[in-house]
Amino acid sequence: MKTYKIALIPGDGIGRDMTAAAWSVLQKAAGASGFTLDAAEFPWSCAFYKETGAMMPADGIETLRRFDAILLGAVGWPAEVPDSVSLHGLLLPIRKNFVQYANIRPHRLLPGVQGPLRAAAFDILCIRENTEGEYSGAGGRIHQGTLDEVAVETSIFTRRGVERILRFAFEQARTRRGKLASVTKSNAQKHSMVFWDEITRQLALDYPDVEVTSYHIDAMAARMVMAPETLDVVVASNLFGDILTDLGAAIQGGLGFAASANINPERNAPSMFEPVHGSAPDIAHLGIANPIATVWSGAMMLKHLGEQDAADAVMAAIETTTASGVGTVPGKDRTDAITAALLAAI
């Protein structure tokens, strides 16, 4: 029987309950499909930082390297640890060290979920560049605390980085409806975003079967609200992709349904799967958070591992659950009730 080694990082706040719920569903799907998931849990979190002064140990990356995949709950406790510390101490190092340059976030309305738009149906796959761009971390501050203080944040766009994420997006469009929307702000950012647009046009010649359209970020934000059904695959830089996918989460009914995957397409390092929502300190330990985003992320993990039947079973369970009215309204159903419904559907 095939066994996959999974690193579990529950993180902070609701991340712990969400990971536990998702793991029970994934375990049941694995058993039904004839393979096993072997977990090792790591306590790396803001609580870990308060105890040790680091978000993860010095050998954390090498520890994770031996796993087939990583399932992350949610990390952050801003009242005690700044987000800039928690993000740069755990999530970003994992993404960058394992070259998880493709961040995939699906946006569609689940059965029974009422979104804020009049659109009855849409199916958008957002592809976000995940390792460079605006989140490269290049820059600094001088004369801090004085009237002469200067802060510089430099975006880094490499031809290799831009080309590989665009090719990944083109390939995804080929497997779907053959439409790609590339998002920049090249009318204002005349170097990096013009560069991105140029590479988009060059690569489009290699994909004559894909209809590609370039949008400015503001126009794309409007289109996602006014006509989401016209979109198929959307590709954007790190910052723009981050913003657009929170908008995508909103139009699909909220962060409780927003899943994501941080993919190493070359598969020479583990990929990481996580819900888009944060640790939600205001509702942590109340038992009312929705685990569907984490479960959906787990389904994406199973698909990445090659277990398509199990991934389909998990997605079918999610749809059966929401179609029954369970887990469709924030705060209406308790976490354990939603989890029980998912397990029953499996």
C-alpha atoms as a PDB file:
ATOM      1  CA  MET A   1       0.000   0.000   0.000  1.00  0.00           C
ATOM      2  CA  LYS A   2       1.342   3.398  -1.014  1.00  0.00           C
ATOM      3  CA  THR A   3       2.203   5.718   1.878  1.00  0.00           C
ATOM      4  CA  TYR A   4       2.739   9.470   1.645  1.00  0.00           C
ATOM      5  CA  LYS A   5       4.672  11.370   4.301  1.00  0.00           C
ATOM      6  CA  ILE A   6       2.918  14.638   5.141  1.00  0.00           C
ATOM      7  CA  ALA A   7       4.289  17.433   7.327  1.00  0.00           C
ATOM      8  CA  LEU A   8       1.502  19.055   9.343  1.00  0.00           C
ATOM      9  CA  ILE A   9       2.040  22.611  10.575  1.00  0.00           C
ATOM     10  CA  PRO A  10      -1.217  23.580  12.353  1.00  0.00           C
ATOM     11  CA  GLY A  11       0.133  27.020  13.257  1.00  0.00           C
ATOM     12  CA  ASP A  12      -1.876  29.485  15.325  1.00  0.00           C
ATOM     13  CA  GLY A  13      -5.475  30.183  16.282  1.00  0.00           C
ATOM     14  CA  ILE A  14      -8.086  28.416  14.181  1.00  0.00           C
ATOM     15  CA  GLY A  15      -5.301  26.811  12.159  1.00  0.00           C
ATOM     16  CA  ARG A  16      -5.047  24.039  14.724  1.00  0.00           C
ATOM     17  CA  ASP A  17      -8.729  23.074  14.586  1.00  0.00           C
ATOM     18  CA  MET A  18      -8.876  23.451  10.806  1.00  0.00           C
ATOM     19  CA  THR A  19      -5.875  21.189  10.284  1.00  0.00           C
ATOM     20  CA  ALA A  20      -7.280  18.529  12.609  1.00  0.00           C
ATOM     21  CA  ALA A  21     -10.634  18.611  10.803  1.00  0.00           C
ATOM     22  CA  ALA A  22      -9.053  18.418   7.357  1.00  0.00           C
ATOM     23  CA  TRP A  23      -6.728  15.634   8.390  1.00  0.00           C
ATOM     24  CA  SER A  24      -9.610  13.442   9.536  1.00  0.00           C
ATOM     25  CA  VAL A  25     -11.353  13.912   6.178  1.00  0.00           C
ATOM     26  CA  LEU A  26      -8.180  13.267   4.172  1.00  0.00           C
ATOM     27  CA  GLN A  27      -7.428  10.148   6.197  1.00  0.00           C
ATOM     28  CA  LYS A  28     -10.880   8.741   5.480  1.00  0.00           C
ATOM     29  CA  ALA A  29     -10.575   9.506   1.764  1.00  0.00           C
ATOM     30  CA  ALA A  30      -7.153   7.882   1.662  1.00  0.00           C
ATOM     31  CA  GLY A  31      -8.428   4.748   3.344  1.00  0.00           C
ATOM     32  CA  ALA A  32     -11.326   4.498   0.917  1.00  0.00           C
ATOM     33  CA  SER A  33      -8.914   4.855  -2.019  1.00  0.00           C
ATOM     34  CA  GLY A  34      -6.342   2.326  -0.825  1.00  0.00           C
ATOM     35  CA  PHE A  35      -3.382   4.428   0.303  1.00  0.00           C
ATOM     36  CA  THR A  36      -2.187   5.874   3.597  1.00  0.00           C
ATOM     37  CA  LEU A  37      -1.138   9.300   4.822  1.00  0.00           C
ATOM     38  CA  ASP A  38       1.601   9.320   7.447  1.00  0.00           C
ATOM     39  CA  ALA A  39       1.759  12.606   9.362  1.00  0.00           C
ATOM     40  CA  ALA A  40       4.443  14.293  11.402  1.00  0.00           C
ATOM     41  CA  GLU A  41       3.230  17.380  13.251  1.00  0.00           C
ATOM     42  CA  PHE A  42       5.422  20.426  13.892  1.00  0.00           C
ATOM     43  CA  PRO A  43       4.561  23.128  16.466  1.00  0.00           C
ATOM     44  CA  TRP A  44       6.094  25.987  14.465  1.00  0.00           C
ATOM     45  CA  SER A  45       3.972  29.057  15.080  1.00  0.00           C
ATOM     46  CA  CYS A  46       3.882  32.420  16.815  1.00  0.00           C
ATOM     47  CA  ALA A  47       3.690  30.551  20.126  1.00  0.00           C
ATOM     48  CA  PHE A  48       6.857  28.719  19.102  1.00  0.00           C
ATOM     49  CA  TYR A  49       8.451  32.076  18.286  1.00  0.00           C
ATOM     50  CA  LYS A  50       7.635  33.443  21.731  1.00  0.00           C
ATOM     51  CA  GLU A  51       9.299  30.420  23.319  1.00  0.00           C
ATOM     52  CA  THR A  52      12.371  30.163  21.079  1.00  0.00           C
ATOM     53  CA  GLY A  53      12.813  33.473  19.256  1.00  0.00           C
ATOM     54  CA  ALA A  54      12.307  31.804  15.860  1.00  0.00           C
ATOM     55  CA  MET A  55       9.272  30.757  13.840  1.00  0.00           C
ATOM     56  CA  MET A  56      10.948  27.432  13.100  1.00  0.00           C
ATOM     57  CA  PRO A  57      14.288  25.819  13.995  1.00  0.00           C
ATOM     58  CA  ALA A  58      17.426  26.544  12.008  1.00  0.00           C
ATOM     59  CA  ASP A  59      17.163  23.125  10.358  1.00  0.00           C
ATOM     60  CA  GLY A  60      13.435  23.487   9.669  1.00  0.00           C
ATOM     61  CA  ILE A  61      13.756  23.621   5.890  1.00  0.00           C
ATOM     62  CA  GLU A  62      15.920  20.516   5.763  1.00  0.00           C
ATOM     63  CA  THR A  63      13.513  18.754   8.105  1.00  0.00           C
ATOM     64  CA  LEU A  64      10.599  19.480   5.771  1.00  0.00           C
ATOM     65  CA  ARG A  65      12.540  18.486   2.653  1.00  0.00           C
ATOM     66  CA  ARG A  66      12.080  14.768   3.308  1.00  0.00           C
ATOM     67  CA  PHE A  67       8.263  14.968   3.156  1.00  0.00           C
ATOM     68  CA  ASP A  68       6.046  14.423   0.134  1.00  0.00           C
ATOM     69  CA  ALA A  69       3.910  17.475   0.942  1.00  0.00           C
ATOM     70  CA  ILE A  70       3.189  20.061   3.636  1.00  0.00           C
ATOM     71  CA  LEU A  71      -0.272  20.905   5.009  1.00  0.00           C
ATOM     72  CA  LEU A  72      -0.302  24.267   6.781  1.00  0.00           C
ATOM     73  CA  GLY A  73      -3.131  25.537   8.982  1.00  0.00           C
ATOM     74  CA  ALA A  74      -2.764  29.277   9.518  1.00  0.00           C
ATOM     75  CA  VAL A  75       0.059  31.324  10.999  1.00  0.00           C
ATOM     76  CA  GLY A  76      -0.153  34.653  12.786  1.00  0.00           C
ATOM     77  CA  TRP A  77      -0.888  36.272  16.128  1.00  0.00           C
ATOM     78  CA  PRO A  78      -0.372  39.980  15.410  1.00  0.00           C
ATOM     79  CA  ALA A  79      -1.164  41.151  18.936  1.00  0.00           C
ATOM     80  CA  GLU A  80       2.019  39.451  20.130  1.00  0.00           C
ATOM     81  CA  VAL A  81       4.146  38.780  17.034  1.00  0.00           C
ATOM     82  CA  PRO A  82       4.228  41.225  14.089  1.00  0.00           C
ATOM     83  CA  ASP A  83       2.964  39.752  10.820  1.00  0.00           C
ATOM     84  CA  SER A  84       6.219  40.801   9.179  1.00  0.00           C
ATOM     85  CA  VAL A  85       8.032  38.474  11.586  1.00  0.00           C
ATOM     86  CA  SER A  86       5.695  35.497  11.285  1.00  0.00           C
ATOM     87  CA  LEU A  87       5.449  35.730   7.488  1.00  0.00           C
ATOM     88  CA  HIS A  88       9.164  36.131   6.843  1.00  0.00           C
ATOM     89  CA  GLY A  89      10.059  33.564   9.472  1.00  0.00           C
ATOM     90  CA  LEU A  90       8.011  30.632   8.207  1.00  0.00           C
ATOM     91  CA  LEU A  91       5.750  30.896   5.170  1.00  0.00           C
ATOM     92  CA  LEU A  92       8.000  32.854   2.801  1.00  0.00           C
ATOM     93  CA  PRO A  93      11.157  30.821   3.551  1.00  0.00           C
ATOM     94  CA  ILE A  94       9.274  27.604   2.793  1.00  0.00           C
ATOM     95  CA  ARG A  95       7.926  28.984  -0.474  1.00  0.00           C
ATOM     96  CA  LYS A  96      11.296  30.310  -1.588  1.00  0.00           C
ATOM     97  CA  ASN A  97      13.563  27.473  -0.430  1.00  0.00           C
ATOM     98  CA  PHE A  98      11.347  24.851  -2.048  1.00  0.00           C
ATOM     99  CA  VAL A  99      10.877  26.989  -5.185  1.00  0.00           C
ATOM    100  CA  GLN A 100       7.100  26.867  -4.828  1.00  0.00           C
ATOM    101  CA  TYR A 101       6.762  29.522  -7.482  1.00  0.00           C
ATOM    102  CA  ALA A 102       3.184  28.730  -8.500  1.00  0.00           C
ATOM    103  CA  ASN A 103       0.469  29.707  -6.053  1.00  0.00           C
ATOM    104  CA  ILE A 104      -2.858  28.252  -7.203  1.00  0.00           C
ATOM    105  CA  ARG A 105      -6.169  29.533  -5.842  1.00  0.00           C
ATOM    106  CA  PRO A 106      -9.528  28.296  -7.210  1.00  0.00           C
ATOM    107  CA  HIS A 107     -12.590  30.522  -7.015  1.00  0.00           C
ATOM    108  CA  ARG A 108     -16.087  29.194  -7.671  1.00  0.00           C
ATOM    109  CA  LEU A 109     -19.396  29.063  -5.866  1.00  0.00           C
ATOM    110  CA  LEU A 110     -20.020  25.782  -4.073  1.00  0.00           C
ATOM    111  CA  PRO A 111     -23.557  24.344  -4.184  1.00  0.00           C
ATOM    112  CA  GLY A 112     -25.761  25.996  -1.590  1.00  0.00           C
ATOM    113  CA  VAL A 113     -23.401  28.936  -1.036  1.00  0.00           C
ATOM    114  CA  GLN A 114     -24.834  32.387  -1.687  1.00  0.00           C
ATOM    115  CA  GLY A 115     -22.168  34.781  -2.917  1.00  0.00           C
ATOM    116  CA  PRO A 116     -22.511  38.577  -2.894  1.00  0.00           C
ATOM    117  CA  LEU A 117     -22.822  38.844  -6.682  1.00  0.00           C
ATOM    118  CA  ARG A 118     -25.729  38.246  -9.040  1.00  0.00           C
ATOM    119  CA  ALA A 119     -23.530  35.893 -11.091  1.00  0.00           C
ATOM    120  CA  ALA A 120     -25.017  32.416 -10.840  1.00  0.00           C
ATOM    121  CA  ALA A 121     -21.805  30.595 -11.693  1.00  0.00           C
ATOM    122  CA  PHE A 122     -18.136  31.280 -12.318  1.00  0.00           C
ATOM    123  CA  ASP A 123     -14.980  29.187 -12.235  1.00  0.00           C
ATOM    124  CA  ILE A 124     -11.753  31.165 -11.957  1.00  0.00           C
ATOM    125  CA  LEU A 125      -8.315  29.693 -11.365  1.00  0.00           C
ATOM    126  CA  CYS A 126      -5.890  32.356 -10.125  1.00  0.00           C
ATOM    127  CA  ILE A 127      -2.185  31.689 -10.633  1.00  0.00           C
ATOM    128  CA  ARG A 128       0.028  33.931  -8.511  1.00  0.00           C
ATOM    129  CA  GLU A 129       3.798  34.214  -8.852  1.00  0.00           C
ATOM    130  CA  ASN A 130       5.009  33.138  -5.447  1.00  0.00           C
ATOM    131  CA  THR A 131       8.737  33.652  -4.943  1.00  0.00           C
ATOM    132  CA  GLU A 132       9.833  37.053  -6.270  1.00  0.00           C
ATOM    133  CA  GLY A 133       8.187  40.245  -7.531  1.00  0.00           C
ATOM    134  CA  GLU A 134       6.955  42.658  -4.894  1.00  0.00           C
ATOM    135  CA  TYR A 135       7.554  40.216  -2.019  1.00  0.00           C
ATOM    136  CA  SER A 136      11.230  39.663  -2.737  1.00  0.00           C
ATOM    137  CA  GLY A 137      12.258  41.411   0.477  1.00  0.00           C
ATOM    138  CA  ALA A 138      14.849  43.588  -1.256  1.00  0.00           C
ATOM    139  CA  GLY A 139      15.241  47.027   0.276  1.00  0.00           C
ATOM    140  CA  GLY A 140      15.774  48.612   3.653  1.00  0.00           C
ATOM    141  CA  ARG A 141      15.287  51.560   5.970  1.00  0.00           C
ATOM    142  CA  ILE A 142      17.741  54.197   7.103  1.00  0.00           C
ATOM    143  CA  HIS A 143      17.580  57.010   9.672  1.00  0.00           C
ATOM    144  CA  GLN A 144      14.775  55.184  11.439  1.00  0.00           C
ATOM    145  CA  GLY A 145      12.706  57.263  13.813  1.00  0.00           C
ATOM    146  CA  THR A 146      13.917  60.572  12.429  1.00  0.00           C
ATOM    147  CA  LEU A 147      12.364  63.095  10.056  1.00  0.00           C
ATOM    148  CA  ASP A 148      14.884  61.953   7.434  1.00  0.00           C
ATOM    149  CA  GLU A 149      13.779  58.313   7.547  1.00  0.00           C
ATOM    150  CA  VAL A 150      13.709  56.544   4.179  1.00  0.00           C
ATOM    151  CA  ALA A 151      12.127  53.175   3.365  1.00  0.00           C
ATOM    152  CA  VAL A 152      12.881  51.399   0.080  1.00  0.00           C
ATOM    153  CA  GLU A 153      11.063  48.280  -1.111  1.00  0.00           C
ATOM    154  CA  THR A 154      12.386  46.961  -4.402  1.00  0.00           C
ATOM    155  CA  SER A 155      10.406  44.575  -6.590  1.00  0.00           C
ATOM    156  CA  ILE A 156      12.503  41.929  -8.311  1.00  0.00           C
ATOM    157  CA  PHE A 157      11.313  40.453 -11.610  1.00  0.00           C
ATOM    158  CA  THR A 158      13.571  38.009 -13.428  1.00  0.00           C
ATOM    159  CA  ARG A 159      13.016  36.698 -16.930  1.00  0.00           C
ATOM    160  CA  ARG A 160      13.237  33.159 -15.596  1.00  0.00           C
ATOM    161  CA  GLY A 161      10.717  33.851 -12.839  1.00  0.00           C
ATOM    162  CA  VAL A 162       8.197  35.633 -15.045  1.00  0.00           C
ATOM    163  CA  GLU A 163       8.488  33.162 -17.907  1.00  0.00           C
ATOM    164  CA  ARG A 164       8.040  30.068 -15.761  1.00  0.00           C
ATOM    165  CA  ILE A 165       4.894  31.346 -14.014  1.00  0.00           C
ATOM    166  CA  LEU A 166       3.403  32.457 -17.320  1.00  0.00           C
ATOM    167  CA  ARG A 167       4.155  29.086 -18.921  1.00  0.00           C
ATOM    168  CA  PHE A 168       2.577  27.360 -15.944  1.00  0.00           C
ATOM    169  CA  ALA A 169      -0.540  29.507 -16.384  1.00  0.00           C
ATOM    170  CA  PHE A 170      -0.697  28.848 -20.131  1.00  0.00           C
ATOM    171  CA  GLU A 171      -0.498  25.101 -19.437  1.00  0.00           C
ATOM    172  CA  GLN A 172      -3.298  25.359 -16.879  1.00  0.00           C
ATOM    173  CA  ALA A 173      -5.452  27.235 -19.399  1.00  0.00           C
ATOM    174  CA  ARG A 174      -4.902  24.420 -21.895  1.00  0.00           C
ATOM    175  CA  THR A 175      -6.453  21.936 -19.460  1.00  0.00           C
ATOM    176  CA  ARG A 176      -9.497  24.158 -18.834  1.00  0.00           C
ATOM    177  CA  ARG A 177     -11.385  26.492 -21.203  1.00  0.00           C
ATOM    178  CA  GLY A 178      -8.381  27.824 -23.089  1.00  0.00           C
ATOM    179  CA  LYS A 179      -8.544  31.431 -21.848  1.00  0.00           C
ATOM    180  CA  LEU A 180      -5.776  33.272 -20.006  1.00  0.00           C
ATOM    181  CA  ALA A 181      -5.919  36.742 -18.459  1.00  0.00           C
ATOM    182  CA  SER A 182      -2.521  38.257 -17.643  1.00  0.00           C
ATOM    183  CA  VAL A 183      -2.647  41.082 -15.091  1.00  0.00           C
ATOM    184  CA  THR A 184      -0.207  43.986 -14.736  1.00  0.00           C
ATOM    185  CA  LYS A 185      -0.159  47.751 -14.282  1.00  0.00           C
ATOM    186  CA  SER A 186       2.102  48.516 -17.224  1.00  0.00           C
ATOM    187  CA  ASN A 187       0.641  51.956 -17.865  1.00  0.00           C
ATOM    188  CA  ALA A 188       2.122  53.132 -14.558  1.00  0.00           C
ATOM    189  CA  GLN A 189       4.972  50.683 -13.841  1.00  0.00           C
ATOM    190  CA  LYS A 190       6.944  51.111 -17.015  1.00  0.00           C
ATOM    191  CA  HIS A 191       9.773  48.714 -16.229  1.00  0.00           C
ATOM    192  CA  SER A 192       8.647  45.590 -14.384  1.00  0.00           C
ATOM    193  CA  MET A 193       5.103  45.419 -15.708  1.00  0.00           C
ATOM    194  CA  VAL A 194       6.012  46.297 -19.297  1.00  0.00           C
ATOM    195  CA  PHE A 195       8.598  43.517 -19.000  1.00  0.00           C
ATOM    196  CA  TRP A 196       5.845  41.119 -17.868  1.00  0.00           C
ATOM    197  CA  ASP A 197       3.587  42.160 -20.774  1.00  0.00           C
ATOM    198  CA  GLU A 198       6.394  41.656 -23.283  1.00  0.00           C
ATOM    199  CA  ILE A 199       7.096  38.134 -22.064  1.00  0.00           C
ATOM    200  CA  THR A 200       3.357  37.367 -22.139  1.00  0.00           C
ATOM    201  CA  ARG A 201       3.210  38.319 -25.819  1.00  0.00           C
ATOM    202  CA  GLN A 202       6.320  36.293 -26.610  1.00  0.00           C
ATOM    203  CA  LEU A 203       5.026  33.141 -24.913  1.00  0.00           C
ATOM    204  CA  ALA A 204       1.589  33.498 -26.472  1.00  0.00           C
ATOM    205  CA  LEU A 205       3.207  32.501 -29.768  1.00  0.00           C
ATOM    206  CA  ASP A 206       3.938  29.084 -28.246  1.00  0.00           C
ATOM    207  CA  TYR A 207       0.295  28.636 -27.221  1.00  0.00           C
ATOM    208  CA  PRO A 208      -1.844  29.494 -30.267  1.00  0.00           C
ATOM    209  CA  ASP A 209      -4.660  27.397 -28.791  1.00  0.00           C
ATOM    210  CA  VAL A 210      -4.954  29.699 -25.751  1.00  0.00           C
ATOM    211  CA  GLU A 211      -6.796  33.008 -25.992  1.00  0.00           C
ATOM    212  CA  VAL A 212      -4.719  35.480 -23.978  1.00  0.00           C
ATOM    213  CA  THR A 213      -5.816  38.943 -22.876  1.00  0.00           C
ATOM    214  CA  SER A 214      -3.791  41.467 -20.887  1.00  0.00           C
ATOM    215  CA  TYR A 215      -5.553  43.525 -18.214  1.00  0.00           C
ATOM    216  CA  HIS A 216      -4.509  46.263 -15.851  1.00  0.00           C
ATOM    217  CA  ILE A 217      -5.014  45.318 -12.206  1.00  0.00           C
ATOM    218  CA  ASP A 218      -7.779  47.867 -11.632  1.00  0.00           C
ATOM    219  CA  ALA A 219      -9.693  46.696 -14.696  1.00  0.00           C
ATOM    220  CA  MET A 220      -9.316  43.079 -13.582  1.00  0.00           C
ATOM    221  CA  ALA A 221     -10.629  43.884 -10.101  1.00  0.00           C
ATOM    222  CA  ALA A 222     -13.696  45.423 -11.713  1.00  0.00           C
ATOM    223  CA  ARG A 223     -14.168  42.467 -14.074  1.00  0.00           C
ATOM    224  CA  MET A 224     -14.021  39.962 -11.222  1.00  0.00           C
ATOM    225  CA  VAL A 225     -16.960  41.787  -9.639  1.00  0.00           C
ATOM    226  CA  MET A 226     -18.958  42.730 -12.737  1.00  0.00           C
ATOM    227  CA  ALA A 227     -18.388  39.710 -14.999  1.00  0.00           C
ATOM    228  CA  PRO A 228     -16.569  36.870 -13.200  1.00  0.00           C
ATOM    229  CA  GLU A 229     -18.150  34.289 -15.506  1.00  0.00           C
ATOM    230  CA  THR A 230     -16.014  35.638 -18.382  1.00  0.00           C
ATOM    231  CA  LEU A 231     -12.769  34.631 -16.679  1.00  0.00           C
ATOM    232  CA  ASP A 232     -10.959  31.283 -16.769  1.00  0.00           C
ATOM    233  CA  VAL A 233      -7.282  31.347 -15.734  1.00  0.00           C
ATOM    234  CA  VAL A 234      -5.886  34.589 -14.282  1.00  0.00           C
ATOM    235  CA  VAL A 235      -2.129  35.046 -13.797  1.00  0.00           C
ATOM    236  CA  ALA A 236      -0.514  37.884 -11.876  1.00  0.00           C
ATOM    237  CA  SER A 237       2.545  38.943  -9.921  1.00  0.00           C
ATOM    238  CA  ASN A 238       3.008  38.192  -6.235  1.00  0.00           C
ATOM    239  CA  LEU A 239       1.327  41.353  -4.938  1.00  0.00           C
ATOM    240  CA  PHE A 240      -1.412  41.631  -7.541  1.00  0.00           C
ATOM    241  CA  GLY A 241      -2.177  37.923  -7.269  1.00  0.00           C
ATOM    242  CA  ASP A 242      -2.410  38.215  -3.496  1.00  0.00           C
ATOM    243  CA  ILE A 243      -4.931  41.040  -3.705  1.00  0.00           C
ATOM    244  CA  LEU A 244      -7.024  39.558  -6.508  1.00  0.00           C
ATOM    245  CA  THR A 245      -7.358  36.223  -4.754  1.00  0.00           C
ATOM    246  CA  ASP A 246      -8.784  37.836  -1.623  1.00  0.00           C
ATOM    247  CA  LEU A 247     -11.322  39.466  -3.924  1.00  0.00           C
ATOM    248  CA  GLY A 248     -11.903  36.023  -5.426  1.00  0.00           C
ATOM    249  CA  ALA A 249     -12.496  34.623  -1.956  1.00  0.00           C
ATOM    250  CA  ALA A 250     -15.052  37.354  -1.290  1.00  0.00           C
ATOM    251  CA  ILE A 251     -17.076  36.677  -4.420  1.00  0.00           C
ATOM    252  CA  GLN A 252     -17.102  32.922  -3.726  1.00  0.00           C
ATOM    253  CA  GLY A 253     -18.700  33.475  -0.338  1.00  0.00           C
ATOM    254  CA  GLY A 254     -15.816  34.296   1.990  1.00  0.00           C
ATOM    255  CA  LEU A 255     -12.434  33.136   3.233  1.00  0.00           C
ATOM    256  CA  GLY A 256     -13.975  29.994   4.700  1.00  0.00           C
ATOM    257  CA  PHE A 257     -14.087  28.602   1.143  1.00  0.00           C
ATOM    258  CA  ALA A 258     -10.717  29.880  -0.117  1.00  0.00           C
ATOM    259  CA  ALA A 259      -8.159  27.138  -0.736  1.00  0.00           C
ATOM    260  CA  SER A 260      -4.638  27.401  -2.091  1.00  0.00           C
ATOM    261  CA  ALA A 261      -1.611  25.409  -3.157  1.00  0.00           C
ATOM    262  CA  ASN A 262       2.029  26.487  -3.234  1.00  0.00           C
ATOM    263  CA  ILE A 263       3.405  24.291  -6.002  1.00  0.00           C
ATOM    264  CA  ASN A 264       6.901  23.278  -7.012  1.00  0.00           C
ATOM    265  CA  PRO A 265       6.028  22.238 -10.577  1.00  0.00           C
ATOM    266  CA  GLU A 266       9.384  20.492 -11.096  1.00  0.00           C
ATOM    267  CA  ARG A 267       8.614  18.280  -8.056  1.00  0.00           C
ATOM    268  CA  ASN A 268      12.195  18.369  -6.761  1.00  0.00           C
ATOM    269  CA  ALA A 269      10.980  19.636  -3.373  1.00  0.00           C
ATOM    270  CA  PRO A 270       7.721  19.334  -1.442  1.00  0.00           C
ATOM    271  CA  SER A 271       4.758  21.549  -2.248  1.00  0.00           C
ATOM    272  CA  MET A 272       2.666  23.195   0.476  1.00  0.00           C
ATOM    273  CA  PHE A 273      -1.117  23.424   0.805  1.00  0.00           C
ATOM    274  CA  GLU A 274      -2.961  25.946   2.974  1.00  0.00           C
ATOM    275  CA  PRO A 275      -6.232  27.838   3.298  1.00  0.00           C
ATOM    276  CA  VAL A 276      -6.133  31.505   2.380  1.00  0.00           C
ATOM    277  CA  HIS A 277      -7.681  32.655   5.659  1.00  0.00           C
ATOM    278  CA  GLY A 278      -5.584  33.681   8.625  1.00  0.00           C
ATOM    279  CA  SER A 279      -5.497  32.452  12.211  1.00  0.00           C
ATOM    280  CA  ALA A 280      -8.580  34.521  13.179  1.00  0.00           C
ATOM    281  CA  PRO A 281      -7.636  35.270  16.813  1.00  0.00           C
ATOM    282  CA  ASP A 282     -11.092  36.741  17.447  1.00  0.00           C
ATOM    283  CA  ILE A 283     -12.820  33.377  16.988  1.00  0.00           C
ATOM    284  CA  ALA A 284      -9.983  31.027  17.919  1.00  0.00           C
ATOM    285  CA  HIS A 285     -11.090  28.248  20.279  1.00  0.00           C
ATOM    286  CA  LEU A 286     -14.783  29.073  19.808  1.00  0.00           C
ATOM    287  CA  GLY A 287     -15.276  26.065  17.557  1.00  0.00           C
ATOM    288  CA  ILE A 288     -17.165  27.987  14.872  1.00  0.00           C
ATOM    289  CA  ALA A 289     -14.577  28.331  12.100  1.00  0.00           C
ATOM    290  CA  ASN A 290     -15.318  26.711   8.757  1.00  0.00           C
ATOM    291  CA  PRO A 291     -12.823  23.935   7.837  1.00  0.00           C
ATOM    292  CA  ILE A 292     -13.873  23.721   4.189  1.00  0.00           C
ATOM    293  CA  ALA A 293     -11.029  25.908   2.888  1.00  0.00           C
ATOM    294  CA  THR A 294      -8.470  23.661   4.582  1.00  0.00           C
ATOM    295  CA  VAL A 295     -10.231  20.504   3.406  1.00  0.00           C
ATOM    296  CA  TRP A 296     -10.316  21.879  -0.153  1.00  0.00           C
ATOM    297  CA  SER A 297      -6.595  22.639   0.130  1.00  0.00           C
ATOM    298  CA  GLY A 298      -6.130  19.028   1.219  1.00  0.00           C
ATOM    299  CA  ALA A 299      -7.977  17.863  -1.896  1.00  0.00           C
ATOM    300  CA  MET A 300      -5.520  19.899  -3.957  1.00  0.00           C
ATOM    301  CA  MET A 301      -2.708  18.123  -2.096  1.00  0.00           C
ATOM    302  CA  LEU A 302      -4.140  14.700  -2.944  1.00  0.00           C
ATOM    303  CA  LYS A 303      -4.418  15.687  -6.599  1.00  0.00           C
ATOM    304  CA  HIS A 304      -0.803  16.884  -6.600  1.00  0.00           C
ATOM    305  CA  LEU A 305       0.283  13.569  -5.096  1.00  0.00           C
ATOM    306  CA  GLY A 306      -1.406  11.764  -7.979  1.00  0.00           C
ATOM    307  CA  GLU A 307      -4.397  10.489  -6.013  1.00  0.00           C
ATOM    308  CA  GLN A 308      -7.068  11.939  -8.278  1.00  0.00           C
ATOM    309  CA  ASP A 309      -9.860   9.595  -7.141  1.00  0.00           C
ATOM    310  CA  ALA A 310      -9.371  10.549  -3.494  1.00  0.00           C
ATOM    311  CA  ALA A 311      -9.177  14.238  -4.412  1.00  0.00           C
ATOM    312  CA  ASP A 312     -12.437  13.923  -6.341  1.00  0.00           C
ATOM    313  CA  ALA A 313     -14.044  12.147  -3.375  1.00  0.00           C
ATOM    314  CA  VAL A 314     -13.088  14.985  -1.033  1.00  0.00           C
ATOM    315  CA  MET A 315     -14.411  17.623  -3.420  1.00  0.00           C
ATOM    316  CA  ALA A 316     -17.641  15.639  -3.854  1.00  0.00           C
ATOM    317  CA  ALA A 317     -17.978  15.497  -0.062  1.00  0.00           C
ATOM    318  CA  ILE A 318     -17.530  19.266   0.161  1.00  0.00           C
ATOM    319  CA  GLU A 319     -20.199  19.839  -2.465  1.00  0.00           C
ATOM    320  CA  THR A 320     -22.587  17.360  -0.846  1.00  0.00           C
ATOM    321  CA  THR A 321     -22.100  19.078   2.500  1.00  0.00           C
ATOM    322  CA  THR A 322     -22.688  22.612   1.254  1.00  0.00           C
ATOM    323  CA  ALA A 323     -25.602  21.509  -0.929  1.00  0.00           C
ATOM    324  CA  SER A 324     -27.276  20.230   2.233  1.00  0.00           C
ATOM    325  CA  GLY A 325     -26.934  23.688   3.760  1.00  0.00           C
ATOM    326  CA  VAL A 326     -24.156  22.759   6.196  1.00  0.00           C
ATOM    327  CA  GLY A 327     -21.158  25.096   6.308  1.00  0.00           C
ATOM    328  CA  THR A 328     -22.632  27.682   3.960  1.00  0.00           C
ATOM    329  CA  VAL A 329     -23.179  30.590   6.353  1.00  0.00           C
ATOM    330  CA  PRO A 330     -20.298  31.917   8.498  1.00  0.00           C
ATOM    331  CA  GLY A 331     -20.789  31.035  12.162  1.00  0.00           C
ATOM    332  CA  LYS A 332     -24.022  29.087  11.647  1.00  0.00           C
ATOM    333  CA  ASP A 333     -22.546  25.592  12.006  1.00  0.00           C
ATOM    334  CA  ARG A 334     -19.884  24.501  14.436  1.00  0.00           C
ATOM    335  CA  THR A 335     -16.583  23.172  13.171  1.00  0.00           C
ATOM    336  CA  ASP A 336     -17.244  19.664  14.437  1.00  0.00           C
ATOM    337  CA  ALA A 337     -20.691  19.584  12.779  1.00  0.00           C
ATOM    338  CA  ILE A 338     -19.239  20.565   9.408  1.00  0.00           C
ATOM    339  CA  THR A 339     -16.466  18.000   9.818  1.00  0.00           C
ATOM    340  CA  ALA A 340     -18.977  15.290  10.711  1.00  0.00           C
ATOM    341  CA  ALA A 341     -20.982  16.102   7.576  1.00  0.00           C
ATOM    342  CA  LEU A 342     -17.854  15.904   5.417  1.00  0.00           C
ATOM    343  CA  LEU A 343     -16.874  12.556   6.921  1.00  0.00           C
ATOM    344  CA  ALA A 344     -20.380  11.199   6.381  1.00  0.00           C
ATOM    345  CA  ALA A 345     -20.276  12.313   2.748  1.00  0.00           C
ATOM    346  CA  ILE A 346     -16.963  10.526   2.189  1.00  0.00           C
END
